[in-house]
N, C-alpha and C. Protein backbone atom coordinates (compact mmCIF):
# COMPACT_ATOMS: atom_id res chain seq x y z
N MET A 1 238.03 183.00 174.60
CA MET A 1 239.08 183.65 174.09
C MET A 1 239.76 183.57 175.46
N HIS A 2 241.21 183.10 175.23
CA HIS A 2 242.18 182.83 176.56
C HIS A 2 243.28 183.94 176.26
N THR A 3 243.64 184.73 177.39
CA THR A 3 244.86 185.67 177.11
C THR A 3 245.84 185.22 178.14
N LYS A 4 246.96 185.56 177.93
CA LYS A 4 248.12 185.37 178.76
C LYS A 4 249.25 186.35 178.55
N ASP A 5 249.94 186.76 179.69
CA ASP A 5 251.11 187.55 179.28
C ASP A 5 251.97 187.23 178.64
N CYS A 6 252.61 188.21 177.69
CA CYS A 6 253.75 187.89 176.50
C CYS A 6 254.99 187.21 177.35
N SER A 7 255.53 186.25 176.88
CA SER A 7 256.46 185.77 177.41
C SER A 7 257.77 186.41 176.92
N HIS A 8 257.77 187.10 175.82
CA HIS A 8 259.05 187.59 175.12
C HIS A 8 259.27 188.70 175.88
N CYS A 9 258.29 189.59 176.07
CA CYS A 9 258.64 190.97 176.80
C CYS A 9 258.33 191.08 178.33
N LEU A 10 257.81 189.79 178.96
CA LEU A 10 257.28 189.85 180.13
C LEU A 10 256.07 190.59 180.60
N GLY A 11 255.16 190.81 179.77
CA GLY A 11 253.91 191.68 179.95
C GLY A 11 254.39 193.22 180.09
N SER A 12 255.44 193.84 179.50
CA SER A 12 255.72 195.09 179.49
C SER A 12 255.50 195.85 177.98
N GLY A 13 255.32 195.09 177.26
CA GLY A 13 255.09 195.61 175.74
C GLY A 13 256.29 196.21 174.83
N VAL A 14 257.38 196.36 175.63
CA VAL A 14 258.59 196.74 174.91
C VAL A 14 260.08 196.06 175.34
N ILE A 15 260.69 196.00 174.71
CA ILE A 15 262.05 195.11 174.79
C ILE A 15 263.04 196.14 175.07
N THR A 16 264.05 196.11 176.03
CA THR A 16 265.25 197.07 175.98
C THR A 16 266.39 196.16 175.89
N ALA A 17 267.31 196.47 175.02
CA ALA A 17 268.21 195.70 174.54
C ALA A 17 269.53 196.57 174.33
N LEU A 18 271.03 196.11 174.38
CA LEU A 18 271.97 196.94 174.21
C LEU A 18 272.38 196.62 172.97
N ARG A 19 272.68 197.73 172.18
CA ARG A 19 273.51 197.48 170.94
C ARG A 19 274.88 197.23 171.11
N TYR A 20 275.31 196.32 170.21
CA TYR A 20 276.54 195.95 170.43
C TYR A 20 277.85 196.88 170.04
N LYS A 21 277.38 197.47 168.88
CA LYS A 21 278.27 198.24 168.13
C LYS A 21 278.64 199.47 168.95
N THR A 22 277.39 200.06 169.37
CA THR A 22 277.50 201.61 170.02
C THR A 22 277.28 201.61 171.49
N MET A 23 276.79 200.47 172.00
CA MET A 23 276.61 200.16 173.53
C MET A 23 275.87 201.15 174.10
N LYS A 24 274.56 201.24 173.48
CA LYS A 24 273.57 202.13 173.96
C LYS A 24 272.24 201.27 173.97
N ARG A 25 271.85 201.70 174.92
CA ARG A 25 270.28 201.01 175.06
C ARG A 25 269.33 201.57 174.23
N GLU A 26 268.83 200.55 173.77
CA GLU A 26 267.56 200.52 172.68
C GLU A 26 266.41 199.91 173.21
N THR A 27 265.31 200.80 173.18
CA THR A 27 264.13 200.11 173.56
C THR A 27 263.29 199.79 172.12
N LYS A 28 262.47 198.86 171.76
CA LYS A 28 261.53 198.83 170.84
C LYS A 28 260.35 198.05 171.30
N THR A 29 259.32 197.99 170.34
CA THR A 29 258.08 197.36 170.72
C THR A 29 258.19 195.87 170.48
N CYS A 30 257.50 195.13 171.24
CA CYS A 30 257.40 193.54 171.28
C CYS A 30 256.99 192.99 169.87
N GLU A 31 257.73 192.29 169.14
CA GLU A 31 257.22 191.86 167.88
C GLU A 31 256.39 190.70 168.22
N LYS A 32 256.25 189.92 169.18
CA LYS A 32 255.21 188.81 169.47
C LYS A 32 254.05 189.15 169.84
N CYS A 33 253.99 190.33 170.55
CA CYS A 33 252.63 190.87 170.92
C CYS A 33 252.13 192.23 170.50
N ASN A 34 253.23 192.69 169.72
CA ASN A 34 252.86 194.12 169.19
C ASN A 34 252.58 195.22 170.24
N GLY A 35 253.27 195.30 171.31
CA GLY A 35 252.98 196.10 172.41
C GLY A 35 251.80 196.00 172.91
N ALA A 36 250.98 194.99 173.04
CA ALA A 36 249.58 194.81 173.51
C ALA A 36 249.79 194.18 175.07
N LYS A 37 251.04 193.95 175.49
CA LYS A 37 251.49 193.19 176.68
C LYS A 37 250.71 191.82 177.15
N VAL A 38 249.72 191.39 176.27
CA VAL A 38 249.18 189.97 176.26
C VAL A 38 249.14 189.31 174.99
N ILE A 39 249.03 188.02 174.90
CA ILE A 39 248.79 187.12 173.87
C ILE A 39 247.63 186.50 173.72
N ASN A 40 246.46 186.75 172.97
CA ASN A 40 245.34 186.21 172.88
C ASN A 40 245.18 184.90 172.31
N TYR A 41 244.90 183.62 172.70
CA TYR A 41 244.78 182.50 172.12
C TYR A 41 243.14 182.20 171.90
N LYS A 42 242.92 181.46 170.95
CA LYS A 42 241.64 180.80 170.56
C LYS A 42 241.13 179.50 171.25
N CYS A 43 242.28 178.72 171.47
CA CYS A 43 241.92 177.66 172.29
C CYS A 43 242.09 177.76 173.87
N SER A 44 241.62 176.78 174.55
CA SER A 44 241.67 176.69 175.87
C SER A 44 243.06 176.36 176.47
N PRO A 45 243.38 176.84 177.63
CA PRO A 45 244.64 176.57 178.10
C PRO A 45 245.11 174.59 178.28
N GLU A 46 243.88 174.21 178.43
CA GLU A 46 244.00 172.73 178.39
C GLU A 46 244.30 172.02 176.94
N LEU A 47 243.68 172.55 176.10
CA LEU A 47 244.03 172.15 174.79
C LEU A 47 245.44 172.39 174.31
N LEU A 48 245.84 173.72 174.74
CA LEU A 48 247.33 174.02 174.33
C LEU A 48 247.97 173.14 174.93
N ALA A 49 247.87 172.87 176.36
CA ALA A 49 249.13 171.97 176.88
C ALA A 49 248.97 170.64 176.45
N ARG A 50 247.78 170.05 176.06
CA ARG A 50 247.69 168.62 175.18
C ARG A 50 248.31 168.67 174.10
N LYS A 51 248.30 169.89 173.27
CA LYS A 51 248.90 169.91 171.93
C LYS A 51 250.50 169.93 172.27
N LYS A 52 250.94 170.62 173.21
CA LYS A 52 252.39 170.78 173.44
C LYS A 52 252.87 169.49 174.07
N ARG A 53 252.09 168.52 174.95
CA ARG A 53 252.66 167.02 175.31
C ARG A 53 252.76 166.30 173.95
N GLU A 54 251.64 166.52 173.07
CA GLU A 54 251.67 165.45 171.71
C GLU A 54 252.87 166.11 170.90
N ARG A 55 253.15 167.36 170.61
CA ARG A 55 254.37 167.86 169.92
C ARG A 55 255.80 167.17 170.81
N ALA A 56 255.75 167.41 172.08
CA ALA A 56 256.99 166.58 172.52
C ALA A 56 257.17 165.13 172.59
N ALA A 57 255.95 164.54 172.38
CA ALA A 57 256.09 162.96 172.26
C ALA A 57 256.47 162.69 170.88
N ARG A 58 255.95 163.39 170.06
CA ARG A 58 256.55 163.35 168.29
C ARG A 58 257.91 163.33 168.48
N ARG A 59 258.14 164.65 168.93
CA ARG A 59 259.71 165.03 168.77
C ARG A 59 260.54 163.99 169.66
N LYS A 60 260.06 163.39 170.81
CA LYS A 60 261.04 162.24 171.32
C LYS A 60 261.17 161.18 170.59
N LYS A 61 259.95 160.83 169.86
CA LYS A 61 259.87 159.69 169.10
C LYS A 61 260.79 159.67 167.96
N ALA A 62 260.83 161.00 167.11
CA ALA A 62 261.76 161.05 166.05
C ALA A 62 263.06 161.17 166.51
N ALA A 63 263.62 161.31 167.88
CA ALA A 63 264.72 161.62 168.24
C ALA A 63 265.69 160.26 168.33
N ILE A 64 264.78 159.07 168.31
CA ILE A 64 265.40 157.70 168.40
C ILE A 64 266.22 157.22 167.19
N PRO A 65 267.43 157.42 167.45
CA PRO A 65 268.32 157.06 166.29
C PRO A 65 267.85 155.41 165.65
N VAL A 66 268.19 155.30 164.45
CA VAL A 66 268.17 153.97 163.84
C VAL A 66 269.39 153.45 163.63
N ARG A 67 269.78 152.11 163.96
CA ARG A 67 270.93 151.66 163.97
C ARG A 67 271.10 151.40 162.45
N TRP A 68 272.18 151.72 161.81
CA TRP A 68 272.47 151.65 160.56
C TRP A 68 273.34 150.44 160.49
N VAL A 69 272.98 149.35 159.56
CA VAL A 69 273.67 148.26 159.47
C VAL A 69 274.39 148.28 158.25
N PRO A 70 275.72 148.04 157.90
CA PRO A 70 276.38 148.09 156.62
C PRO A 70 275.95 147.02 156.02
N PRO A 71 275.89 146.86 154.55
CA PRO A 71 275.50 145.65 153.78
C PRO A 71 276.69 144.73 153.89
N GLU A 72 276.57 143.65 153.61
CA GLU A 72 277.59 142.42 153.66
C GLU A 72 278.60 142.77 152.52
N LYS A 73 279.74 142.44 152.65
CA LYS A 73 280.86 142.73 151.84
C LYS A 73 280.73 141.61 150.76
N ILE A 74 280.76 141.95 149.42
CA ILE A 74 281.09 140.90 148.53
C ILE A 74 282.35 140.50 148.25
N PRO A 75 282.81 139.45 148.53
CA PRO A 75 283.99 138.85 148.39
C PRO A 75 284.71 139.04 146.82
N GLU A 76 286.01 139.79 146.75
CA GLU A 76 286.26 139.98 145.42
C GLU A 76 287.34 139.01 145.20
N GLU A 77 287.37 138.54 143.95
CA GLU A 77 288.54 137.47 143.57
C GLU A 77 289.64 138.33 143.09
N TYR A 78 290.69 138.16 143.79
CA TYR A 78 292.02 138.74 143.39
C TYR A 78 292.94 137.75 142.92
N ASN A 79 293.50 138.13 141.79
CA ASN A 79 294.53 137.51 141.12
C ASN A 79 295.90 138.06 141.32
N TYR A 80 296.73 137.38 142.35
CA TYR A 80 297.91 137.95 142.87
C TYR A 80 299.07 137.30 142.02
N ASP A 81 298.78 136.58 140.89
CA ASP A 81 300.00 136.14 140.08
C ASP A 81 300.70 137.45 139.29
N ILE A 82 301.94 137.27 139.44
CA ILE A 82 302.57 138.43 138.76
C ILE A 82 303.21 137.85 137.76
């Protein structure tokens, strides 16, 4: 089991935010770690880093745009006789 400080609340367990309408400070428990201050991982840090690199490579591979080539135009026969 691998533990790491929560990146959402920075290891404090609570999040302090400012309400927009009332401009009052509001504290609530972190939803990511549920106030535990740490996140428990089943995998080792090396395996997590490898999975992260693989996801980034897949995302980079999918980001390469494919050039769209329009189909050839079929010449139409116009009759301009009026």
